[in-house]
Amino acid sequence: MTKLLGLKTLLFFLALAILSLPLIGSSRALPEFRQVKGETERFMGYYFQLKLTAKEQKVLERALSKIPAPCCADHTALTC
């Protein structure tokens, strides 16, 4: 369950970052979340909709296993 929440959180922030890319360096304001709970649930729902191939899963695991978990130094972002 903890691993699942960590991946959901990662996907949420990744989606937010991707959506913000066109705004970097522009004078436009960043998007505002007006219905935070609903929009968060929608972004987290992407976790169940997006299916990684075996190759993509390996890349994800390799990348996240190199990043320390934000909660403690004993684990990586892959297991958080």
PDB file of N, CA and C in Angstrom:
ATOM      1  N   MET A   1       0.828  -1.195   0.000  1.00  0.00           N
ATOM      2  CA  MET A   1       0.000   0.000   0.000  1.00  0.00           C
ATOM      3  C   MET A   1       0.872   1.259   0.000  1.00  0.00           C
ATOM      4  N   THR A   2       1.941   1.254   0.786  1.00  0.00           N
ATOM      5  CA  THR A   2       2.830   2.411   0.840  1.00  0.00           C
ATOM      6  C   THR A   2       3.475   2.651  -0.511  1.00  0.00           C
ATOM      7  N   LYS A   3       3.900   1.577  -1.178  1.00  0.00           N
ATOM      8  CA  LYS A   3       4.517   1.711  -2.499  1.00  0.00           C
ATOM      9  C   LYS A   3       3.513   2.296  -3.488  1.00  0.00           C
ATOM     10  N   LEU A   4       2.262   1.870  -3.387  1.00  0.00           N
ATOM     11  CA  LEU A   4       1.215   2.357  -4.274  1.00  0.00           C
ATOM     12  C   LEU A   4       0.977   3.849  -4.064  1.00  0.00           C
ATOM     13  N   LEU A   5       0.912   4.297  -2.818  1.00  0.00           N
ATOM     14  CA  LEU A   5       0.713   5.716  -2.540  1.00  0.00           C
ATOM     15  C   LEU A   5       1.895   6.535  -3.017  1.00  0.00           C
ATOM     16  N   GLY A   6       3.112   6.028  -2.850  1.00  0.00           N
ATOM     17  CA  GLY A   6       4.291   6.743  -3.312  1.00  0.00           C
ATOM     18  C   GLY A   6       4.267   6.929  -4.818  1.00  0.00           C
ATOM     19  N   LEU A   7       3.876   5.901  -5.537  1.00  0.00           N
ATOM     20  CA  LEU A   7       3.815   5.991  -6.993  1.00  0.00           C
ATOM     21  C   LEU A   7       2.702   6.932  -7.430  1.00  0.00           C
ATOM     22  N   LYS A   8       1.582   6.897  -6.718  1.00  0.00           N
ATOM     23  CA  LYS A   8       0.489   7.814  -7.039  1.00  0.00           C
ATOM     24  C   LYS A   8       0.932   9.261  -6.836  1.00  0.00           C
ATOM     25  N   THR A   9       1.627   9.503  -5.753  1.00  0.00           N
ATOM     26  CA  THR A   9       2.110  10.851  -5.475  1.00  0.00           C
ATOM     27  C   THR A   9       3.077  11.292  -6.556  1.00  0.00           C
ATOM     28  N   LEU A  10       3.988  10.400  -6.933  1.00  0.00           N
ATOM     29  CA  LEU A  10       4.948  10.715  -7.987  1.00  0.00           C
ATOM     30  C   LEU A  10       4.230  11.048  -9.295  1.00  0.00           C
ATOM     31  N   LEU A  11       3.236  10.240  -9.655  1.00  0.00           N
ATOM     32  CA  LEU A  11       2.496  10.483 -10.892  1.00  0.00           C
ATOM     33  C   LEU A  11       1.745  11.808 -10.837  1.00  0.00           C
ATOM     34  N   PHE A  12       1.200  12.136  -9.677  1.00  0.00           N
ATOM     35  CA  PHE A  12       0.491  13.407  -9.529  1.00  0.00           C
ATOM     36  C   PHE A  12       1.424  14.583  -9.796  1.00  0.00           C
ATOM     37  N   PHE A  13       2.588  14.568  -9.139  1.00  0.00           N
ATOM     38  CA  PHE A  13       3.512  15.678  -9.314  1.00  0.00           C
ATOM     39  C   PHE A  13       4.122  15.695 -10.713  1.00  0.00           C
ATOM     40  N   LEU A  14       4.302  14.536 -11.304  1.00  0.00           N
ATOM     41  CA  LEU A  14       4.796  14.472 -12.674  1.00  0.00           C
ATOM     42  C   LEU A  14       3.775  15.077 -13.638  1.00  0.00           C
ATOM     43  N   ALA A  15       2.505  14.734 -13.447  1.00  0.00           N
ATOM     44  CA  ALA A  15       1.452  15.302 -14.294  1.00  0.00           C
ATOM     45  C   ALA A  15       1.373  16.813 -14.109  1.00  0.00           C
ATOM     46  N   LEU A  16       1.487  17.269 -12.875  1.00  0.00           N
ATOM     47  CA  LEU A  16       1.458  18.696 -12.607  1.00  0.00           C
ATOM     48  C   LEU A  16       2.633  19.397 -13.277  1.00  0.00           C
ATOM     49  N   ALA A  17       3.806  18.795 -13.201  1.00  0.00           N
ATOM     50  CA  ALA A  17       4.990  19.392 -13.826  1.00  0.00           C
ATOM     51  C   ALA A  17       4.831  19.454 -15.338  1.00  0.00           C
ATOM     52  N   ILE A  18       4.327  18.391 -15.930  1.00  0.00           N
ATOM     53  CA  ILE A  18       4.142  18.360 -17.385  1.00  0.00           C
ATOM     54  C   ILE A  18       3.126  19.411 -17.820  1.00  0.00           C
ATOM     55  N   LEU A  19       2.054  19.542 -17.057  1.00  0.00           N
ATOM     56  CA  LEU A  19       1.047  20.548 -17.397  1.00  0.00           C
ATOM     57  C   LEU A  19       1.581  21.967 -17.240  1.00  0.00           C
ATOM     58  N   SER A  20       2.575  22.150 -16.400  1.00  0.00           N
ATOM     59  CA  SER A  20       3.145  23.478 -16.154  1.00  0.00           C
ATOM     60  C   SER A  20       4.243  23.850 -17.138  1.00  0.00           C
ATOM     61  N   LEU A  21       4.769  22.893 -17.887  1.00  0.00           N
ATOM     62  CA  LEU A  21       5.877  23.171 -18.799  1.00  0.00           C
ATOM     63  C   LEU A  21       5.613  24.321 -19.765  1.00  0.00           C
ATOM     64  N   PRO A  22       4.460  24.382 -20.407  1.00  0.00           N
ATOM     65  CA  PRO A  22       4.240  25.484 -21.350  1.00  0.00           C
ATOM     66  C   PRO A  22       4.248  26.855 -20.668  1.00  0.00           C
ATOM     67  N   LEU A  23       4.073  26.894 -19.372  1.00  0.00           N
ATOM     68  CA  LEU A  23       3.991  28.164 -18.658  1.00  0.00           C
ATOM     69  C   LEU A  23       5.342  28.667 -18.178  1.00  0.00           C
ATOM     70  N   ILE A  24       6.351  27.814 -18.212  1.00  0.00           N
ATOM     71  CA  ILE A  24       7.669  28.212 -17.733  1.00  0.00           C
ATOM     72  C   ILE A  24       8.221  29.292 -18.655  1.00  0.00           C
ATOM     73  N   GLY A  25       8.620  30.388 -18.076  1.00  0.00           N
ATOM     74  CA  GLY A  25       9.169  31.492 -18.849  1.00  0.00           C
ATOM     75  C   GLY A  25       8.115  32.384 -19.468  1.00  0.00           C
ATOM     76  N   SER A  26       6.865  32.098 -19.236  1.00  0.00           N
ATOM     77  CA  SER A  26       5.820  32.957 -19.783  1.00  0.00           C
ATOM     78  C   SER A  26       5.296  33.873 -18.684  1.00  0.00           C
ATOM     79  N   SER A  27       4.570  34.869 -19.082  1.00  0.00           N
ATOM     80  CA  SER A  27       4.011  35.801 -18.108  1.00  0.00           C
ATOM     81  C   SER A  27       2.645  35.357 -17.617  1.00  0.00           C
ATOM     82  N   ARG A  28       2.167  34.232 -18.124  1.00  0.00           N
ATOM     83  CA  ARG A  28       0.857  33.739 -17.695  1.00  0.00           C
ATOM     84  C   ARG A  28       0.941  33.149 -16.301  1.00  0.00           C
ATOM     85  N   ALA A  29      -0.126  33.250 -15.574  1.00  0.00           N
ATOM     86  CA  ALA A  29      -0.185  32.703 -14.227  1.00  0.00           C
ATOM     87  C   ALA A  29      -0.269  31.183 -14.292  1.00  0.00           C
ATOM     88  N   LEU A  30       0.249  30.526 -13.282  1.00  0.00           N
ATOM     89  CA  LEU A  30       0.154  29.078 -13.192  1.00  0.00           C
ATOM     90  C   LEU A  30      -1.297  28.670 -12.979  1.00  0.00           C
ATOM     91  N   PRO A  31      -1.662  27.469 -13.416  1.00  0.00           N
ATOM     92  CA  PRO A  31      -3.046  27.033 -13.229  1.00  0.00           C
ATOM     93  C   PRO A  31      -3.374  26.925 -11.743  1.00  0.00           C
ATOM     94  N   GLU A  32      -4.606  27.225 -11.418  1.00  0.00           N
ATOM     95  CA  GLU A  32      -5.054  27.133 -10.040  1.00  0.00           C
ATOM     96  C   GLU A  32      -5.954  25.918  -9.886  1.00  0.00           C
ATOM     97  N   PHE A  33      -5.792  25.246  -8.771  1.00  0.00           N
ATOM     98  CA  PHE A  33      -6.690  24.150  -8.445  1.00  0.00           C
ATOM     99  C   PHE A  33      -7.878  24.738  -7.698  1.00  0.00           C
ATOM    100  N   ARG A  34      -9.030  24.572  -8.265  1.00  0.00           N
ATOM    101  CA  ARG A  34     -10.222  25.136  -7.637  1.00  0.00           C
ATOM    102  C   ARG A  34     -10.975  24.074  -6.842  1.00  0.00           C
ATOM    103  N   GLN A  35     -10.944  22.868  -7.315  1.00  0.00           N
ATOM    104  CA  GLN A  35     -11.577  21.751  -6.609  1.00  0.00           C
ATOM    105  C   GLN A  35     -10.469  20.753  -6.296  1.00  0.00           C
ATOM    106  N   VAL A  36      -9.691  21.065  -5.286  1.00  0.00           N
ATOM    107  CA  VAL A  36      -8.463  20.321  -5.003  1.00  0.00           C
ATOM    108  C   VAL A  36      -8.728  18.832  -4.842  1.00  0.00           C
ATOM    109  N   LYS A  37      -9.720  18.457  -4.055  1.00  0.00           N
ATOM    110  CA  LYS A  37      -9.971  17.037  -3.825  1.00  0.00           C
ATOM    111  C   LYS A  37     -10.321  16.311  -5.126  1.00  0.00           C
ATOM    112  N   GLY A  38     -11.221  16.883  -5.885  1.00  0.00           N
ATOM    113  CA  GLY A  38     -11.628  16.240  -7.137  1.00  0.00           C
ATOM    114  C   GLY A  38     -10.511  16.152  -8.153  1.00  0.00           C
ATOM    115  N   GLU A  39      -9.751  17.224  -8.273  1.00  0.00           N
ATOM    116  CA  GLU A  39      -8.656  17.227  -9.236  1.00  0.00           C
ATOM    117  C   GLU A  39      -7.526  16.307  -8.794  1.00  0.00           C
ATOM    118  N   THR A  40      -7.283  16.231  -7.502  1.00  0.00           N
ATOM    119  CA  THR A  40      -6.271  15.309  -6.994  1.00  0.00           C
ATOM    120  C   THR A  40      -6.689  13.872  -7.271  1.00  0.00           C
ATOM    121  N   GLU A  41      -7.950  13.564  -7.026  1.00  0.00           N
ATOM    122  CA  GLU A  41      -8.448  12.214  -7.306  1.00  0.00           C
ATOM    123  C   GLU A  41      -8.341  11.891  -8.792  1.00  0.00           C
ATOM    124  N   ARG A  42      -8.596  12.878  -9.642  1.00  0.00           N
ATOM    125  CA  ARG A  42      -8.495  12.658 -11.090  1.00  0.00           C
ATOM    126  C   ARG A  42      -7.058  12.340 -11.476  1.00  0.00           C
ATOM    127  N   PHE A  43      -6.096  13.122 -10.962  1.00  0.00           N
ATOM    128  CA  PHE A  43      -4.693  12.857 -11.265  1.00  0.00           C
ATOM    129  C   PHE A  43      -4.263  11.503 -10.712  1.00  0.00           C
ATOM    130  N   MET A  44      -4.717  11.173  -9.515  1.00  0.00           N
ATOM    131  CA  MET A  44      -4.346   9.884  -8.935  1.00  0.00           C
ATOM    132  C   MET A  44      -4.980   8.733  -9.719  1.00  0.00           C
ATOM    133  N   GLY A  45      -6.125   8.989 -10.336  1.00  0.00           N
ATOM    134  CA  GLY A  45      -6.775   7.975 -11.153  1.00  0.00           C
ATOM    135  C   GLY A  45      -5.943   7.573 -12.361  1.00  0.00           C
ATOM    136  N   TYR A  46      -5.049   8.474 -12.797  1.00  0.00           N
ATOM    137  CA  TYR A  46      -4.173   8.132 -13.909  1.00  0.00           C
ATOM    138  C   TYR A  46      -3.309   6.927 -13.576  1.00  0.00           C
ATOM    139  N   TYR A  47      -2.993   6.726 -12.312  1.00  0.00           N
ATOM    140  CA  TYR A  47      -2.174   5.587 -11.909  1.00  0.00           C
ATOM    141  C   TYR A  47      -2.816   4.278 -12.378  1.00  0.00           C
ATOM    142  N   PHE A  48      -4.122   4.191 -12.257  1.00  0.00           N
ATOM    143  CA  PHE A  48      -4.809   2.955 -12.631  1.00  0.00           C
ATOM    144  C   PHE A  48      -5.079   2.881 -14.131  1.00  0.00           C
ATOM    145  N   GLN A  49      -5.095   4.016 -14.814  1.00  0.00           N
ATOM    146  CA  GLN A  49      -5.364   4.031 -16.244  1.00  0.00           C
ATOM    147  C   GLN A  49      -4.114   3.803 -17.079  1.00  0.00           C
ATOM    148  N   LEU A  50      -2.976   4.277 -16.601  1.00  0.00           N
ATOM    149  CA  LEU A  50      -1.733   4.158 -17.356  1.00  0.00           C
ATOM    150  C   LEU A  50      -1.076   2.815 -17.071  1.00  0.00           C
ATOM    151  N   LYS A  51      -0.846   2.059 -18.096  1.00  0.00           N
ATOM    152  CA  LYS A  51      -0.196   0.761 -17.948  1.00  0.00           C
ATOM    153  C   LYS A  51       1.173   0.830 -18.611  1.00  0.00           C
ATOM    154  N   LEU A  52       2.206   0.581 -17.822  1.00  0.00           N
ATOM    155  CA  LEU A  52       3.567   0.607 -18.340  1.00  0.00           C
ATOM    156  C   LEU A  52       3.915  -0.721 -18.993  1.00  0.00           C
ATOM    157  N   THR A  53       4.723  -0.650 -20.033  1.00  0.00           N
ATOM    158  CA  THR A  53       5.254  -1.871 -20.612  1.00  0.00           C
ATOM    159  C   THR A  53       6.328  -2.388 -19.664  1.00  0.00           C
ATOM    160  N   ALA A  54       6.775  -3.597 -19.880  1.00  0.00           N
ATOM    161  CA  ALA A  54       7.828  -4.168 -19.027  1.00  0.00           C
ATOM    162  C   ALA A  54       9.092  -3.315 -19.090  1.00  0.00           C
ATOM    163  N   LYS A  55       9.425  -2.823 -20.274  1.00  0.00           N
ATOM    164  CA  LYS A  55      10.608  -1.983 -20.436  1.00  0.00           C
ATOM    165  C   LYS A  55      10.453  -0.656 -19.690  1.00  0.00           C
ATOM    166  N   GLU A  56       9.273  -0.047 -19.805  1.00  0.00           N
ATOM    167  CA  GLU A  56       9.012   1.203 -19.090  1.00  0.00           C
ATOM    168  C   GLU A  56       9.060   0.998 -17.578  1.00  0.00           C
ATOM    169  N   GLN A  57       8.519  -0.119 -17.109  1.00  0.00           N
ATOM    170  CA  GLN A  57       8.529  -0.423 -15.677  1.00  0.00           C
ATOM    171  C   GLN A  57       9.961  -0.550 -15.163  1.00  0.00           C
ATOM    172  N   LYS A  58      10.825  -1.175 -15.945  1.00  0.00           N
ATOM    173  CA  LYS A  58      12.230  -1.312 -15.549  1.00  0.00           C
ATOM    174  C   LYS A  58      12.913   0.050 -15.463  1.00  0.00           C
ATOM    175  N   VAL A  59      12.615   0.929 -16.418  1.00  0.00           N
ATOM    176  CA  VAL A  59      13.192   2.275 -16.401  1.00  0.00           C
ATOM    177  C   VAL A  59      12.707   3.032 -15.165  1.00  0.00           C
ATOM    178  N   LEU A  60      11.420   2.936 -14.881  1.00  0.00           N
ATOM    179  CA  LEU A  60      10.853   3.580 -13.701  1.00  0.00           C
ATOM    180  C   LEU A  60      11.515   3.075 -12.426  1.00  0.00           C
ATOM    181  N   GLU A  61      11.634   1.770 -12.311  1.00  0.00           N
ATOM    182  CA  GLU A  61      12.252   1.181 -11.124  1.00  0.00           C
ATOM    183  C   GLU A  61      13.713   1.586 -10.993  1.00  0.00           C
ATOM    184  N   ARG A  62      14.435   1.599 -12.100  1.00  0.00           N
ATOM    185  CA  ARG A  62      15.845   1.981 -12.056  1.00  0.00           C
ATOM    186  C   ARG A  62      15.989   3.439 -11.626  1.00  0.00           C
ATOM    187  N   ALA A  63      15.136   4.311 -12.152  1.00  0.00           N
ATOM    188  CA  ALA A  63      15.211   5.736 -11.813  1.00  0.00           C
ATOM    189  C   ALA A  63      14.832   5.983 -10.355  1.00  0.00           C
ATOM    190  N   LEU A  64      13.724   5.413  -9.914  1.00  0.00           N
ATOM    191  CA  LEU A  64      13.254   5.672  -8.553  1.00  0.00           C
ATOM    192  C   LEU A  64      14.120   5.010  -7.491  1.00  0.00           C
ATOM    193  N   SER A  65      14.811   3.949  -7.853  1.00  0.00           N
ATOM    194  CA  SER A  65      15.655   3.273  -6.862  1.00  0.00           C
ATOM    195  C   SER A  65      16.905   4.089  -6.539  1.00  0.00           C
ATOM    196  N   LYS A  66      17.204   5.101  -7.340  1.00  0.00           N
ATOM    197  CA  LYS A  66      18.373   5.960  -7.113  1.00  0.00           C
ATOM    198  C   LYS A  66      18.024   7.206  -6.294  1.00  0.00           C
ATOM    199  N   ILE A  67      16.735   7.470  -6.109  1.00  0.00           N
ATOM    200  CA  ILE A  67      16.298   8.679  -5.417  1.00  0.00           C
ATOM    201  C   ILE A  67      15.950   8.337  -3.969  1.00  0.00           C
ATOM    202  N   PRO A  68      16.551   9.024  -2.993  1.00  0.00           N
ATOM    203  CA  PRO A  68      16.192   8.762  -1.596  1.00  0.00           C
ATOM    204  C   PRO A  68      14.730   9.122  -1.341  1.00  0.00           C
ATOM    205  N   ALA A  69      14.100   8.357  -0.480  1.00  0.00           N
ATOM    206  CA  ALA A  69      12.714   8.650  -0.116  1.00  0.00           C
ATOM    207  C   ALA A  69      12.659   9.959   0.659  1.00  0.00           C
ATOM    208  N   PRO A  70      11.622  10.748   0.442  1.00  0.00           N
ATOM    209  CA  PRO A  70      11.536  12.026   1.156  1.00  0.00           C
ATOM    210  C   PRO A  70      11.292  11.846   2.653  1.00  0.00           C
ATOM    211  N   CYS A  71      10.787  10.682   3.040  1.00  0.00           N
ATOM    212  CA  CYS A  71      10.442  10.483   4.446  1.00  0.00           C
ATOM    213  C   CYS A  71      11.601   9.958   5.291  1.00  0.00           C
ATOM    214  N   CYS A  72      12.529   9.233   4.668  1.00  0.00           N
ATOM    215  CA  CYS A  72      13.635   8.680   5.452  1.00  0.00           C
ATOM    216  C   CYS A  72      14.759   8.243   4.518  1.00  0.00           C
ATOM    217  N   ALA A  73      15.944   8.121   5.068  1.00  0.00           N
ATOM    218  CA  ALA A  73      17.111   7.751   4.268  1.00  0.00           C
ATOM    219  C   ALA A  73      17.245   6.242   4.104  1.00  0.00           C
ATOM    220  N   ASP A  74      16.414   5.479   4.802  1.00  0.00           N
ATOM    221  CA  ASP A  74      16.517   4.019   4.754  1.00  0.00           C
ATOM    222  C   ASP A  74      15.860   3.416   3.514  1.00  0.00           C
ATOM    223  N   HIS A  75      15.080   4.178   2.795  1.00  0.00           N
ATOM    224  CA  HIS A  75      14.339   3.662   1.653  1.00  0.00           C
ATOM    225  C   HIS A  75      14.547   4.566   0.440  1.00  0.00           C
ATOM    226  N   THR A  76      14.157   4.075  -0.723  1.00  0.00           N
ATOM    227  CA  THR A  76      14.205   4.877  -1.939  1.00  0.00           C
ATOM    228  C   THR A  76      12.802   5.321  -2.315  1.00  0.00           C
ATOM    229  N   ALA A  77      12.722   6.197  -3.296  1.00  0.00           N
ATOM    230  CA  ALA A  77      11.417   6.662  -3.769  1.00  0.00           C
ATOM    231  C   ALA A  77      10.611   5.515  -4.365  1.00  0.00           C
ATOM    232  N   LEU A  78      11.267   4.475  -4.794  1.00  0.00           N
ATOM    233  CA  LEU A  78      10.577   3.314  -5.351  1.00  0.00           C
ATOM    234  C   LEU A  78       9.742   2.612  -4.290  1.00  0.00           C
ATOM    235  N   THR A  79      10.211   2.565  -3.070  1.00  0.00           N
ATOM    236  CA  THR A  79       9.501   1.829  -2.023  1.00  0.00           C
ATOM    237  C   THR A  79       8.653   2.737  -1.133  1.00  0.00           C
ATOM    238  N   CYS A  80       8.744   4.013  -1.322  1.00  0.00           N
ATOM    239  CA  CYS A  80       8.020   4.941  -0.453  1.00  0.00           C
ATOM    240  C   CYS A  80       6.579   5.088  -0.896  1.00  0.00           C
TER     241      CYS A  80
END
